[in-house]
Protein backbone atom coordinates (compact mmCIF):
# COMPACT_ATOMS: atom_id res chain seq x y z
CA UNK A 1 100.77 24.47 110.73
CA UNK A 2 104.17 22.88 109.98
CA UNK A 3 105.33 21.82 106.56
CA UNK A 4 104.48 18.14 106.95
CA UNK A 5 100.98 18.97 108.19
CA UNK A 6 100.39 21.23 105.22
CA UNK A 7 101.48 18.47 102.86
CA UNK A 8 99.11 15.99 104.48
CA UNK A 9 96.20 18.44 104.27
CA UNK A 10 96.91 19.19 100.61
CA UNK A 11 96.98 15.47 99.91
CA UNK A 12 93.63 14.98 101.63
CA UNK A 13 92.00 17.84 99.69
CA UNK A 14 93.45 16.56 96.41
CA UNK A 15 92.22 13.07 97.15
CA UNK A 16 88.73 14.38 97.87
CA UNK A 17 88.71 16.35 94.63
CA UNK A 18 89.86 13.34 92.59
CA UNK A 19 87.23 11.19 94.26
CA UNK A 20 84.50 13.62 93.28
CA UNK A 21 85.64 13.78 89.64
CA UNK A 22 87.14 10.32 89.28
CA UNK A 23 85.73 6.82 89.56
CA UNK A 24 83.59 7.54 92.63
CA UNK A 25 82.04 10.63 90.95
CA UNK A 26 81.49 8.73 87.71
CA UNK A 27 79.76 5.94 89.58
CA UNK A 28 77.38 8.39 91.25
CA UNK A 29 76.60 10.11 87.90
CA UNK A 30 76.13 6.72 86.20
CA UNK A 31 73.65 5.70 88.92
CA UNK A 32 71.74 8.97 88.55
CA UNK A 33 71.58 8.50 84.80
CA UNK A 34 70.33 4.91 85.17
CA UNK A 35 67.60 6.08 87.53
CA UNK A 36 66.60 8.96 85.21
CA UNK A 37 66.32 6.81 82.07
CA UNK A 38 64.59 4.08 83.92
CA UNK A 39 61.96 6.63 85.08
CA UNK A 40 61.71 7.76 81.46
CA UNK A 41 61.28 4.18 80.27
CA UNK A 42 58.28 3.71 82.60
CA UNK A 43 56.81 7.17 81.98
CA UNK A 44 57.32 8.24 85.61
CA UNK A 45 57.09 11.94 84.88
CA UNK A 46 56.94 13.04 88.52
CA UNK A 47 60.34 11.43 89.10
CA UNK A 48 61.70 12.89 85.85
CA UNK A 49 60.82 16.35 87.06
CA UNK A 50 62.89 15.83 90.20
CA UNK A 51 65.90 15.19 88.00
CA UNK A 52 65.65 18.51 86.22
CA UNK A 53 68.23 21.22 87.04
CA UNK A 54 67.25 24.28 89.04
CA UNK A 55 67.20 26.49 85.91
CA UNK A 56 64.55 24.23 84.34
CA UNK A 57 62.42 24.07 87.46
CA UNK A 58 62.54 27.85 87.66
CA UNK A 59 60.91 28.08 84.22
CA UNK A 60 58.65 24.99 84.16
CA UNK A 61 56.26 24.03 86.94
CA UNK A 62 55.82 20.40 87.92
CA UNK A 63 52.24 20.52 86.68
CA UNK A 64 53.18 21.89 83.25
CA UNK A 65 56.07 19.43 82.92
CA UNK A 66 53.85 16.45 83.70
CA UNK A 67 51.03 17.70 81.40
CA UNK A 68 53.54 18.21 78.56
CA UNK A 69 55.09 14.79 78.98
CA UNK A 70 51.66 13.13 79.13
CA UNK A 71 50.63 14.82 75.87
CA UNK A 72 53.65 13.46 74.04
CA UNK A 73 53.54 10.06 72.43
CA UNK A 74 56.09 8.45 74.72
CA UNK A 75 54.70 4.91 75.01
CA UNK A 76 57.32 2.22 74.48
CA UNK A 77 60.04 4.74 73.48
CA UNK A 78 62.69 2.21 74.39
CA UNK A 79 62.75 -1.14 76.16
CA UNK A 80 66.43 -1.25 77.20
CA UNK A 81 69.36 1.10 77.52
CA UNK A 82 73.04 0.74 78.17
CA UNK A 83 75.37 3.42 79.49
CA UNK A 84 78.57 3.38 77.48
CA UNK A 85 80.58 6.15 79.00
CA UNK A 86 80.56 8.83 81.69
CA UNK A 87 82.79 11.91 81.50
CA UNK A 88 83.07 14.55 84.26
CA UNK A 89 84.66 17.99 83.81
CA UNK A 90 84.31 20.22 86.82
CA UNK A 91 80.67 20.60 87.74
CA UNK A 92 79.47 19.22 84.40
CA UNK A 93 79.08 15.73 83.09
CA UNK A 94 78.30 13.83 79.90
CA UNK A 95 76.61 10.44 79.79
CA UNK A 96 76.56 8.47 76.54
CA UNK A 97 73.88 5.82 76.11
CA UNK A 98 72.63 3.17 73.68
CA UNK A 99 68.91 2.33 73.34
CA UNK A 100 66.82 -0.61 72.21
CA UNK A 101 63.16 -0.24 71.40
CA UNK A 102 60.95 2.29 69.64
CA UNK A 103 63.25 5.31 69.85
CA UNK A 104 60.25 7.68 69.36
CA UNK A 105 61.48 10.23 71.86
CA UNK A 106 64.96 10.24 70.30
CA UNK A 107 63.88 10.22 66.65
CA UNK A 108 65.34 6.80 65.97
CA UNK A 109 68.80 7.50 67.40
CA UNK A 110 70.47 4.56 68.97
CA UNK A 111 73.13 6.61 70.68
CA UNK A 112 72.37 9.70 72.78
CA UNK A 113 74.58 11.88 74.94
CA UNK A 114 72.95 13.72 77.84
CA UNK A 115 74.41 16.68 79.69
CA UNK A 116 74.38 16.81 83.51
CA UNK A 117 75.24 19.46 86.06
CA UNK A 118 76.19 19.08 89.72
CA UNK A 119 74.11 21.21 92.09
CA UNK A 120 74.47 20.95 95.84
CA UNK A 121 76.52 17.77 95.51
CA UNK A 122 73.88 16.01 93.36
CA UNK A 123 73.63 15.42 89.60
CA UNK A 124 70.74 16.86 87.55
CA UNK A 125 69.86 16.98 83.82
CA UNK A 126 71.21 20.24 82.54
CA UNK A 127 68.93 22.59 80.59
CA UNK A 128 69.65 22.63 76.87
CA UNK A 129 67.77 25.58 75.22
CA UNK A 130 68.75 24.14 71.80
CA UNK A 131 67.48 20.64 72.57
CA UNK A 132 64.42 18.91 71.31
CA UNK A 133 62.60 19.06 74.65
CA UNK A 134 62.72 22.86 74.76
CA UNK A 135 61.62 23.43 71.15
CA UNK A 136 58.68 21.03 71.60
CA UNK A 137 57.84 22.38 75.00
CA UNK A 138 57.73 26.00 73.72
CA UNK A 139 55.35 25.03 70.87
CA UNK A 140 53.16 22.94 73.22
CA UNK A 141 53.00 25.72 75.76
CA UNK A 142 52.14 28.36 73.11
CA UNK A 143 49.38 26.18 71.75
CA UNK A 144 48.01 25.55 75.23
CA UNK A 145 48.08 29.26 76.04
CA UNK A 146 46.24 30.07 72.82
CA UNK A 147 43.16 28.39 74.32
CA UNK A 148 42.80 31.54 76.43
CA UNK A 149 42.53 33.75 73.29
CA UNK A 150 38.98 32.95 71.99
CA UNK A 151 37.27 34.17 75.15
CA UNK A 152 39.02 37.54 75.18
CA UNK A 153 38.70 37.84 71.39
CA UNK A 154 34.94 37.30 71.63
CA UNK A 155 34.69 39.85 74.39
CA UNK A 156 36.59 42.51 72.43
CA UNK A 157 34.65 41.89 69.26
CA UNK A 158 31.31 42.25 71.10
CA UNK A 159 32.66 45.37 72.79
CA UNK A 160 33.66 46.86 69.43
CA UNK A 161 30.11 46.39 68.16
CA UNK A 162 28.74 48.17 71.21
CA UNK A 163 31.19 51.05 70.73
CA UNK A 164 30.21 51.45 67.05
CA UNK A 165 26.48 51.22 67.88
CA UNK A 166 27.00 53.97 70.44
CA UNK A 167 28.65 56.13 67.80
CA UNK A 168 25.81 55.58 65.35
CA UNK A 169 23.28 56.57 68.00
CA UNK A 170 25.13 59.42 69.76
CA UNK A 171 27.31 60.75 66.95
CA UNK A 172 30.43 60.27 69.04
CA UNK A 173 32.48 57.57 70.65
CA UNK A 174 32.05 57.12 74.43
CA UNK A 175 34.57 58.86 76.66
CA UNK A 176 34.34 55.98 79.09
CA UNK A 177 33.30 52.38 78.61
CA UNK A 178 30.80 52.71 81.44
CA UNK A 179 28.63 54.81 79.08
CA UNK A 180 27.81 51.68 77.19
CA UNK A 181 25.73 50.33 79.99
CA UNK A 182 27.33 46.87 79.81
CA UNK A 183 29.09 46.40 83.17
CA UNK A 184 29.89 42.73 82.62
CA UNK A 185 31.30 43.22 79.13
CA UNK A 186 33.81 45.89 80.11
CA UNK A 187 35.61 43.94 82.90
CA UNK A 188 39.13 42.81 82.10
CA UNK A 189 39.33 39.08 83.01
CA UNK A 190 43.01 39.44 83.77
CA UNK A 191 42.90 42.48 86.03
CA UNK A 192 41.06 41.45 89.15
CA UNK A 193 37.69 42.88 88.14
CA UNK A 194 38.96 46.23 86.90
CA UNK A 195 37.57 47.66 83.62
CA UNK A 196 39.34 47.23 80.30
CA UNK A 197 41.64 50.07 79.38
CA UNK A 198 39.96 52.39 76.88
CA UNK A 199 40.81 55.63 75.08
CA UNK A 200 39.15 57.67 72.32
CA UNK A 201 39.29 61.16 70.86
CA UNK A 202 35.54 61.01 70.68
CA UNK A 203 35.32 61.45 66.92
CA UNK A 204 37.76 59.45 64.77
CA UNK A 205 39.24 56.57 66.75
CA UNK A 206 39.06 54.40 69.83
CA UNK A 207 41.21 51.66 71.36
CA UNK A 208 40.56 49.11 74.06
CA UNK A 209 43.11 46.82 75.68
CA UNK A 210 43.06 43.86 78.01
CA UNK A 211 45.87 42.63 80.18
CA UNK A 212 47.65 39.48 79.14
CA UNK A 213 47.57 36.35 81.40
CA UNK A 214 50.39 37.84 83.56
CA UNK A 215 47.87 40.43 84.77
CA UNK A 216 50.18 43.34 84.02
CA UNK A 217 49.22 46.22 81.70
CA UNK A 218 51.79 46.65 78.95
CA UNK A 219 50.14 49.18 76.70
CA UNK A 220 49.38 52.81 77.48
CA UNK A 221 46.24 53.25 75.43
CA UNK A 222 46.46 57.02 75.66
CA UNK A 223 49.50 56.93 73.42
CA UNK A 224 47.33 55.71 70.58
CA UNK A 225 46.34 58.48 68.17
CA UNK A 226 44.71 56.50 65.40
CA UNK A 227 46.21 54.14 62.88
CA UNK A 228 48.76 56.67 61.66
CA UNK A 229 50.44 56.59 65.11
CA UNK A 230 51.73 53.07 64.56
CA UNK A 231 50.98 52.31 68.19
CA UNK A 232 51.15 49.89 69.92
CA UNK A 233 54.45 48.32 68.91
CA UNK A 234 54.55 44.54 68.30
CA UNK A 235 56.56 43.87 71.50
CA UNK A 236 53.53 45.00 73.59
CA UNK A 237 51.13 42.60 71.91
CA UNK A 238 50.40 39.25 73.48
CA UNK A 239 52.84 36.57 72.43
CA UNK A 240 51.89 32.99 73.46
CA UNK A 241 55.56 31.90 73.32
CA UNK A 242 56.47 34.24 76.18
CA UNK A 243 52.96 34.52 77.67
CA UNK A 244 53.52 38.30 77.86
CA UNK A 245 51.89 41.31 76.26
CA UNK A 246 48.30 42.70 75.97
CA UNK A 247 45.28 41.89 73.89
CA UNK A 248 43.77 44.88 72.11
CA UNK A 249 41.41 46.08 69.42
CA UNK A 250 40.82 49.48 67.90
CA UNK A 251 38.39 51.24 65.49
CA UNK A 252 36.47 52.46 63.67
CA UNK A 253 38.01 50.09 61.22
CA UNK A 254 38.01 46.86 63.09
CA UNK A 255 41.43 45.45 63.77
CA UNK A 256 42.43 42.79 66.29
CA UNK A 257 45.75 41.58 67.63
CA UNK A 258 45.78 38.49 69.77
């Protein structure tokens, strides 16, 4: 390529870059923001999900996103909005808006700045782990997940009574849960019909554990050696914020962690 051809190609590439980050790019981002907040104004949650960046979609399913938004009090959050400014830096963008209406979703703020990210040539709302959405979503999800706890708690409490009754009758703790003669009670609901994990020294202690909702065993019950062993550690106990960890109970002194 000769010198003049190289200069022309450079000019074309520079022009394309400026178009992407300049007025043309700003116009496209402004249009995306208008469509996004219009969908929010009319509670079109399915459309709002489509505007979420890939990182958000990887962590939040469409079903959970819609359920969360429907549970929020979003009626008449705002009746009008005006986009005041659009700023683009590289693959990121900032859109500043003014609202008229109830402002419930924005806690009364009249001016809000949203962050956007360009993915595959299109603009999407960027995930903000410090934003209000994520703090509220985490609390909502944890509360929703805790609905699973009562069933497994009831099962483990009933099982502990059966284990203690066995001890009073036989003078020892069962070596296997099957000795209790309660086939339905010993099945782990999160392990595809496999029995709950159980361990005992036969005399002084026992421990039983159920998988968390992820279906994966986190605790090795055979590491438990009574209360003095300080096992299992807290990071292996079910946490509704992360939806990870196991449910368990041990004895003879009843203790539960859910």
